[in-house]
Amino acid sequence: MPALAALITALSLWADSRERLAARFEGEARSTQARVVEKVDQAQPRVDGSVAHTYFVDLLFATPAGQSVVVRRRVDAERFTRLDHGGKVALNYLPDAPARVSLANRTGPDNEQGLQRAALGLGGLALWLLWRIGGRAVSGVRARREGQPCPARLTAVRLSRMPGPGGTQARIVWRDGDGVEGRSLPRAHSALRGLCPGQSVTVYRHAGRTWWAGDVGKRPSR
């Protein structure tokens, strides 16, 4: 859940920054002609033996104040072929940040499409995280309701590299009577300070894995 919250926050901040930047281009951008000073074809071999090409052009232009600016921009194969060294390209730029450019006929920054694809990827990841977290929650409830409670020996308390609510996150690790290892869900390390290797903990065995009672709760007595 902390990872999902961080992802949603990042997406919100990204969308807000892109909207503000697009608005600046629409209201403040200046138009100019840039000259193609370099063409770059980056070839990357694929696993299937084919080659993927990524095309870039370096564009040189000058601001009214006499500042020379060189920017590198990615272009598609058709435009790359059409452009020649020394050729002219129409673009828009922000006066106070001339390295921020948009090629002609665009109202936003020139790398908008790539960033949109990244946003779609992050959105897909958010949906995957929701599905995974929801699946875990359902499995945990079933384990508590239908699983077999049994003792297990706590073998370690492992710190996580990812921070979360409450500071440093950690998991406990255990082995049940069959020697099968299990891990708890991450939680604040401070909440696990009373646990140490060698202690006995209660777990529920269900559907080929074990769940710690501290994660799913103890089964109500009937």
C-alpha atoms as a PDB file:
ATOM      1  CA  MET A   1       0.000   0.000   0.000  1.00  0.00           C
ATOM      2  CA  PRO A   2       2.779   2.564   0.682  1.00  0.00           C
ATOM      3  CA  ALA A   3       4.191   1.855  -2.793  1.00  0.00           C
ATOM      4  CA  LEU A   4       0.768   2.421  -4.354  1.00  0.00           C
ATOM      5  CA  ALA A   5       0.282   5.686  -2.469  1.00  0.00           C
ATOM      6  CA  ALA A   6       3.714   6.888  -3.605  1.00  0.00           C
ATOM      7  CA  LEU A   7       2.908   5.957  -7.210  1.00  0.00           C
ATOM      8  CA  ILE A   8      -0.419   7.804  -7.178  1.00  0.00           C
ATOM      9  CA  THR A   9       1.289  10.855  -5.665  1.00  0.00           C
ATOM     10  CA  ALA A  10       3.992  10.759  -8.351  1.00  0.00           C
ATOM     11  CA  LEU A  11       1.384  10.519 -11.119  1.00  0.00           C
ATOM     12  CA  SER A  12      -0.544  13.475  -9.690  1.00  0.00           C
ATOM     13  CA  LEU A  13       2.583  15.627  -9.439  1.00  0.00           C
ATOM     14  CA  TRP A  14       3.638  14.656 -12.957  1.00  0.00           C
ATOM     15  CA  ALA A  15       0.214  15.504 -14.442  1.00  0.00           C
ATOM     16  CA  ASP A  16       0.182  18.859 -12.659  1.00  0.00           C
ATOM     17  CA  SER A  17       3.681  19.787 -13.851  1.00  0.00           C
ATOM     18  CA  ARG A  18       2.905  18.797 -17.458  1.00  0.00           C
ATOM     19  CA  GLU A  19      -0.298  20.859 -17.426  1.00  0.00           C
ATOM     20  CA  ARG A  20       1.509  23.935 -16.119  1.00  0.00           C
ATOM     21  CA  LEU A  21       4.332  23.528 -18.634  1.00  0.00           C
ATOM     22  CA  ALA A  22       1.894  23.104 -21.544  1.00  0.00           C
ATOM     23  CA  ALA A  23       0.083  26.246 -20.435  1.00  0.00           C
ATOM     24  CA  ARG A  24       3.384  28.158 -20.431  1.00  0.00           C
ATOM     25  CA  PHE A  25       4.163  27.027 -23.979  1.00  0.00           C
ATOM     26  CA  GLU A  26       0.730  28.128 -25.138  1.00  0.00           C
ATOM     27  CA  GLY A  27       1.018  31.572 -23.562  1.00  0.00           C
ATOM     28  CA  GLU A  28       4.737  32.418 -23.505  1.00  0.00           C
ATOM     29  CA  ALA A  29       6.584  30.437 -26.190  1.00  0.00           C
ATOM     30  CA  ARG A  30       8.478  32.214 -28.959  1.00  0.00           C
ATOM     31  CA  SER A  31       8.930  30.834 -32.455  1.00  0.00           C
ATOM     32  CA  THR A  32      12.220  30.558 -34.303  1.00  0.00           C
ATOM     33  CA  GLN A  33      14.086  28.604 -36.957  1.00  0.00           C
ATOM     34  CA  ALA A  34      16.754  26.155 -35.802  1.00  0.00           C
ATOM     35  CA  ARG A  35      19.498  24.610 -37.901  1.00  0.00           C
ATOM     36  CA  VAL A  36      20.270  20.885 -37.931  1.00  0.00           C
ATOM     37  CA  VAL A  37      23.894  20.532 -36.836  1.00  0.00           C
ATOM     38  CA  GLU A  38      24.009  16.795 -36.093  1.00  0.00           C
ATOM     39  CA  LYS A  39      22.013  13.637 -36.851  1.00  0.00           C
ATOM     40  CA  VAL A  40      22.345  10.569 -34.616  1.00  0.00           C
ATOM     41  CA  ASP A  41      21.076   7.063 -35.378  1.00  0.00           C
ATOM     42  CA  GLN A  42      21.341   4.896 -32.268  1.00  0.00           C
ATOM     43  CA  ALA A  43      21.135   1.189 -33.149  1.00  0.00           C
ATOM     44  CA  GLN A  44      20.270  -1.339 -30.448  1.00  0.00           C
ATOM     45  CA  PRO A  45      20.341  -5.101 -31.236  1.00  0.00           C
ATOM     46  CA  ARG A  46      17.260  -7.031 -30.172  1.00  0.00           C
ATOM     47  CA  VAL A  47      17.102 -10.560 -28.799  1.00  0.00           C
ATOM     48  CA  ASP A  48      15.481 -11.830 -32.012  1.00  0.00           C
ATOM     49  CA  GLY A  49      18.436 -10.601 -34.070  1.00  0.00           C
ATOM     50  CA  SER A  50      16.773  -7.494 -35.483  1.00  0.00           C
ATOM     51  CA  VAL A  51      17.980  -3.968 -34.774  1.00  0.00           C
ATOM     52  CA  ALA A  52      15.978  -1.173 -33.144  1.00  0.00           C
ATOM     53  CA  HIS A  53      16.798   2.365 -34.266  1.00  0.00           C
ATOM     54  CA  THR A  54      16.296   5.554 -32.250  1.00  0.00           C
ATOM     55  CA  TYR A  55      16.772   8.819 -34.105  1.00  0.00           C
ATOM     56  CA  PHE A  56      17.936  12.173 -32.744  1.00  0.00           C
ATOM     57  CA  VAL A  57      18.794  15.556 -34.249  1.00  0.00           C
ATOM     58  CA  ASP A  58      20.842  18.332 -32.663  1.00  0.00           C
ATOM     59  CA  LEU A  59      19.305  21.737 -33.338  1.00  0.00           C
ATOM     60  CA  LEU A  60      21.063  25.104 -33.061  1.00  0.00           C
ATOM     61  CA  PHE A  61      19.261  28.418 -32.717  1.00  0.00           C
ATOM     62  CA  ALA A  62      19.894  31.863 -31.264  1.00  0.00           C
ATOM     63  CA  THR A  63      17.705  33.929 -28.951  1.00  0.00           C
ATOM     64  CA  PRO A  64      17.113  37.685 -29.531  1.00  0.00           C
ATOM     65  CA  ALA A  65      19.678  38.308 -26.772  1.00  0.00           C
ATOM     66  CA  GLY A  66      22.318  36.527 -28.854  1.00  0.00           C
ATOM     67  CA  GLN A  67      22.452  33.336 -26.782  1.00  0.00           C
ATOM     68  CA  SER A  68      23.259  30.240 -28.864  1.00  0.00           C
ATOM     69  CA  VAL A  69      21.317  27.174 -27.815  1.00  0.00           C
ATOM     70  CA  VAL A  70      21.823  23.568 -28.919  1.00  0.00           C
ATOM     71  CA  VAL A  71      19.166  21.010 -28.072  1.00  0.00           C
ATOM     72  CA  ARG A  72      18.934  17.312 -28.940  1.00  0.00           C
ATOM     73  CA  ARG A  73      15.497  16.023 -29.836  1.00  0.00           C
ATOM     74  CA  ARG A  74      14.178  12.613 -30.715  1.00  0.00           C
ATOM     75  CA  VAL A  75      12.353  12.334 -34.050  1.00  0.00           C
ATOM     76  CA  ASP A  76      10.643   9.576 -35.989  1.00  0.00           C
ATOM     77  CA  ALA A  77      12.318   7.747 -38.882  1.00  0.00           C
ATOM     78  CA  GLU A  78      10.448   9.712 -41.565  1.00  0.00           C
ATOM     79  CA  ARG A  79      11.463  13.088 -40.198  1.00  0.00           C
ATOM     80  CA  PHE A  80      15.032  11.910 -39.598  1.00  0.00           C
ATOM     81  CA  THR A  81      15.340  10.884 -43.259  1.00  0.00           C
ATOM     82  CA  ARG A  82      13.781  14.120 -44.475  1.00  0.00           C
ATOM     83  CA  LEU A  83      16.076  16.420 -42.486  1.00  0.00           C
ATOM     84  CA  ASP A  84      19.516  17.246 -43.861  1.00  0.00           C
ATOM     85  CA  HIS A  85      22.568  18.718 -42.137  1.00  0.00           C
ATOM     86  CA  GLY A  86      22.132  22.462 -42.240  1.00  0.00           C
ATOM     87  CA  GLY A  87      18.395  22.153 -42.818  1.00  0.00           C
ATOM     88  CA  LYS A  88      15.915  24.393 -41.022  1.00  0.00           C
ATOM     89  CA  VAL A  89      13.413  23.259 -38.394  1.00  0.00           C
ATOM     90  CA  ALA A  90      10.663  25.459 -36.935  1.00  0.00           C
ATOM     91  CA  LEU A  91      10.388  25.269 -33.162  1.00  0.00           C
ATOM     92  CA  ASN A  92       9.030  27.095 -30.128  1.00  0.00           C
ATOM     93  CA  TYR A  93      10.952  27.787 -26.927  1.00  0.00           C
ATOM     94  CA  LEU A  94      10.433  29.390 -23.535  1.00  0.00           C
ATOM     95  CA  PRO A  95      12.273  32.751 -23.283  1.00  0.00           C
ATOM     96  CA  ASP A  96      13.436  32.176 -19.700  1.00  0.00           C
ATOM     97  CA  ALA A  97      14.409  28.523 -20.398  1.00  0.00           C
ATOM     98  CA  PRO A  98      15.383  28.284 -24.077  1.00  0.00           C
ATOM     99  CA  ALA A  99      16.469  24.648 -23.722  1.00  0.00           C
ATOM    100  CA  ARG A 100      12.763  23.867 -23.235  1.00  0.00           C
ATOM    101  CA  VAL A 101      11.583  23.507 -26.815  1.00  0.00           C
ATOM    102  CA  SER A 102       8.675  22.184 -28.809  1.00  0.00           C
ATOM    103  CA  LEU A 103       8.919  21.312 -32.477  1.00  0.00           C
ATOM    104  CA  ALA A 104       6.492  23.166 -34.737  1.00  0.00           C
ATOM    105  CA  ASN A 105       2.774  22.278 -34.631  1.00  0.00           C
ATOM    106  CA  ARG A 106       2.924  21.209 -30.996  1.00  0.00           C
ATOM    107  CA  THR A 107       1.532  23.149 -28.055  1.00  0.00           C
ATOM    108  CA  GLY A 108       3.497  21.404 -25.362  1.00  0.00           C
ATOM    109  CA  PRO A 109       7.078  20.312 -24.694  1.00  0.00           C
ATOM    110  CA  ASP A 110       8.576  18.226 -27.446  1.00  0.00           C
ATOM    111  CA  ASN A 111       8.940  15.037 -25.348  1.00  0.00           C
ATOM    112  CA  GLU A 112       5.244  14.993 -24.385  1.00  0.00           C
ATOM    113  CA  GLN A 113       4.444  11.738 -26.200  1.00  0.00           C
ATOM    114  CA  GLY A 114       7.223   9.853 -24.475  1.00  0.00           C
ATOM    115  CA  LEU A 115       6.096  11.186 -21.115  1.00  0.00           C
ATOM    116  CA  GLN A 116       2.513  10.198 -21.877  1.00  0.00           C
ATOM    117  CA  ARG A 117       3.678   6.655 -22.576  1.00  0.00           C
ATOM    118  CA  ALA A 118       5.521   6.691 -19.279  1.00  0.00           C
ATOM    119  CA  ALA A 119       2.341   7.841 -17.530  1.00  0.00           C
ATOM    120  CA  LEU A 120       0.375   5.025 -19.132  1.00  0.00           C
ATOM    121  CA  GLY A 121       3.017   2.594 -17.945  1.00  0.00           C
ATOM    122  CA  LEU A 122       2.831   3.971 -14.415  1.00  0.00           C
ATOM    123  CA  GLY A 123      -0.955   3.781 -14.543  1.00  0.00           C
ATOM    124  CA  GLY A 124      -0.735   0.137 -15.578  1.00  0.00           C
ATOM    125  CA  LEU A 125       1.663  -0.504 -12.729  1.00  0.00           C
ATOM    126  CA  ALA A 126      -0.778   1.131 -10.313  1.00  0.00           C
ATOM    127  CA  LEU A 127      -3.556  -1.184 -11.515  1.00  0.00           C
ATOM    128  CA  TRP A 128      -1.251  -4.185 -11.125  1.00  0.00           C
ATOM    129  CA  LEU A 129      -0.386  -3.120  -7.587  1.00  0.00           C
ATOM    130  CA  LEU A 130      -4.084  -2.742  -6.771  1.00  0.00           C
ATOM    131  CA  TRP A 131      -4.759  -6.234  -8.129  1.00  0.00           C
ATOM    132  CA  ARG A 132      -1.846  -7.732  -6.218  1.00  0.00           C
ATOM    133  CA  ILE A 133      -2.654  -5.982  -2.947  1.00  0.00           C
ATOM    134  CA  GLY A 134      -6.322  -6.924  -3.272  1.00  0.00           C
ATOM    135  CA  GLY A 135      -5.397 -10.534  -4.004  1.00  0.00           C
ATOM    136  CA  ARG A 136      -3.188 -10.680  -0.930  1.00  0.00           C
ATOM    137  CA  ALA A 137      -5.918  -9.250   1.253  1.00  0.00           C
ATOM    138  CA  VAL A 138      -8.433 -11.847   0.051  1.00  0.00           C
ATOM    139  CA  SER A 139      -5.923 -14.692   0.487  1.00  0.00           C
ATOM    140  CA  GLY A 140      -5.106 -13.506   4.007  1.00  0.00           C
ATOM    141  CA  VAL A 141      -8.769 -13.428   5.017  1.00  0.00           C
ATOM    142  CA  ARG A 142      -9.290 -16.941   3.643  1.00  0.00           C
ATOM    143  CA  ALA A 143      -6.225 -18.198   5.478  1.00  0.00           C
ATOM    144  CA  ARG A 144      -7.529 -16.848   8.766  1.00  0.00           C
ATOM    145  CA  ARG A 145     -11.016 -18.278   8.170  1.00  0.00           C
ATOM    146  CA  GLU A 146     -10.187 -21.630   6.573  1.00  0.00           C
ATOM    147  CA  GLY A 147      -6.489 -22.281   7.279  1.00  0.00           C
ATOM    148  CA  GLN A 148      -4.974 -24.561   9.891  1.00  0.00           C
ATOM    149  CA  PRO A 149      -3.373 -22.636  12.786  1.00  0.00           C
ATOM    150  CA  CYS A 150       0.045 -23.955  13.726  1.00  0.00           C
ATOM    151  CA  PRO A 151       3.157 -22.763  15.548  1.00  0.00           C
ATOM    152  CA  ALA A 152       6.265 -21.655  13.642  1.00  0.00           C
ATOM    153  CA  ARG A 153       9.750 -20.621  14.719  1.00  0.00           C
ATOM    154  CA  LEU A 154      10.754 -17.053  13.993  1.00  0.00           C
ATOM    155  CA  THR A 155      14.144 -17.097  12.241  1.00  0.00           C
ATOM    156  CA  ALA A 156      14.829 -13.446  11.385  1.00  0.00           C
ATOM    157  CA  VAL A 157      13.601  -9.878  11.307  1.00  0.00           C
ATOM    158  CA  ARG A 158      14.652  -8.405   7.957  1.00  0.00           C
ATOM    159  CA  LEU A 159      14.792  -4.712   7.202  1.00  0.00           C
ATOM    160  CA  SER A 160      13.377  -3.460   3.913  1.00  0.00           C
ATOM    161  CA  ARG A 161      15.195  -1.067   1.593  1.00  0.00           C
ATOM    162  CA  MET A 162      11.962   0.773   0.921  1.00  0.00           C
ATOM    163  CA  PRO A 163      10.759   3.356   3.461  1.00  0.00           C
ATOM    164  CA  GLY A 164       7.108   3.532   4.400  1.00  0.00           C
ATOM    165  CA  PRO A 165       4.683   4.908   6.983  1.00  0.00           C
ATOM    166  CA  GLY A 166       6.317   4.889  10.393  1.00  0.00           C
ATOM    167  CA  GLY A 167       9.866   4.942   9.007  1.00  0.00           C
ATOM    168  CA  THR A 168      11.991   1.897   8.200  1.00  0.00           C
ATOM    169  CA  GLN A 169       9.969  -1.130   7.124  1.00  0.00           C
ATOM    170  CA  ALA A 170      10.693  -4.722   8.131  1.00  0.00           C
ATOM    171  CA  ARG A 171       9.357  -8.270   7.833  1.00  0.00           C
ATOM    172  CA  ILE A 172       9.599 -11.302  10.081  1.00  0.00           C
ATOM    173  CA  VAL A 173      10.701 -14.636   8.623  1.00  0.00           C
ATOM    174  CA  TRP A 174       9.675 -18.015  10.044  1.00  0.00           C
ATOM    175  CA  ARG A 175       9.809 -21.748   9.418  1.00  0.00           C
ATOM    176  CA  ASP A 176       6.867 -23.977  10.162  1.00  0.00           C
ATOM    177  CA  GLY A 177       6.933 -27.566  11.369  1.00  0.00           C
ATOM    178  CA  ASP A 178       7.463 -28.835   7.808  1.00  0.00           C
ATOM    179  CA  GLY A 179      10.482 -26.591   7.331  1.00  0.00           C
ATOM    180  CA  VAL A 180       8.679 -24.274   4.902  1.00  0.00           C
ATOM    181  CA  GLU A 181       9.776 -20.644   5.139  1.00  0.00           C
ATOM    182  CA  GLY A 182       7.272 -17.803   5.258  1.00  0.00           C
ATOM    183  CA  ARG A 183       7.489 -14.000   5.382  1.00  0.00           C
ATOM    184  CA  SER A 184       5.167 -11.411   6.844  1.00  0.00           C
ATOM    185  CA  LEU A 185       3.853  -8.341   5.090  1.00  0.00           C
ATOM    186  CA  PRO A 186       6.082  -5.257   5.562  1.00  0.00           C
ATOM    187  CA  ARG A 187       5.326  -2.977   8.492  1.00  0.00           C
ATOM    188  CA  ALA A 188       7.120  -0.376  10.572  1.00  0.00           C
ATOM    189  CA  HIS A 189      10.253  -1.859  12.140  1.00  0.00           C
ATOM    190  CA  SER A 190       9.299  -0.301  15.469  1.00  0.00           C
ATOM    191  CA  ALA A 191       6.155  -2.484  15.539  1.00  0.00           C
ATOM    192  CA  LEU A 192       8.324  -5.634  15.446  1.00  0.00           C
ATOM    193  CA  ARG A 193      10.853  -4.720  18.118  1.00  0.00           C
ATOM    194  CA  GLY A 194       9.355  -7.194  20.600  1.00  0.00           C
ATOM    195  CA  LEU A 195      10.038 -10.109  18.250  1.00  0.00           C
ATOM    196  CA  CYS A 196      13.373 -11.866  17.904  1.00  0.00           C
ATOM    197  CA  PRO A 197      14.714 -15.085  16.353  1.00  0.00           C
ATOM    198  CA  GLY A 198      13.865 -18.235  18.270  1.00  0.00           C
ATOM    199  CA  GLN A 199      10.418 -17.093  19.367  1.00  0.00           C
ATOM    200  CA  SER A 200       7.293 -19.055  18.457  1.00  0.00           C
ATOM    201  CA  VAL A 201       4.634 -17.312  16.363  1.00  0.00           C
ATOM    202  CA  THR A 202       1.217 -18.455  15.194  1.00  0.00           C
ATOM    203  CA  VAL A 203       0.667 -18.898  11.479  1.00  0.00           C
ATOM    204  CA  TYR A 204      -2.217 -20.165   9.362  1.00  0.00           C
ATOM    205  CA  ARG A 205      -1.452 -22.727   6.661  1.00  0.00           C
ATOM    206  CA  HIS A 206      -3.668 -22.365   3.599  1.00  0.00           C
ATOM    207  CA  ALA A 207      -3.347 -22.992  -0.153  1.00  0.00           C
ATOM    208  CA  GLY A 208       0.294 -23.988   0.007  1.00  0.00           C
ATOM    209  CA  ARG A 209       1.597 -21.088   2.093  1.00  0.00           C
ATOM    210  CA  THR A 210       1.516 -19.751   5.630  1.00  0.00           C
ATOM    211  CA  TRP A 211       0.248 -16.420   6.934  1.00  0.00           C
ATOM    212  CA  TRP A 212       1.312 -14.781  10.181  1.00  0.00           C
ATOM    213  CA  ALA A 213      -1.530 -14.117  12.606  1.00  0.00           C
ATOM    214  CA  GLY A 214      -0.079 -10.644  13.117  1.00  0.00           C
ATOM    215  CA  ASP A 215      -0.889  -9.847   9.479  1.00  0.00           C
ATOM    216  CA  VAL A 216      -4.315 -11.447   9.073  1.00  0.00           C
ATOM    217  CA  GLY A 217      -5.559 -11.295  12.672  1.00  0.00           C
ATOM    218  CA  LYS A 218      -6.484 -14.130  14.982  1.00  0.00           C
ATOM    219  CA  ARG A 219      -9.467 -16.254  14.133  1.00  0.00           C
ATOM    220  CA  PRO A 220     -12.480 -15.354  16.274  1.00  0.00           C
ATOM    221  CA  SER A 221     -13.371 -18.023  18.802  1.00  0.00           C
ATOM    222  CA  ARG A 222     -16.634 -19.821  18.143  1.00  0.00           C
END
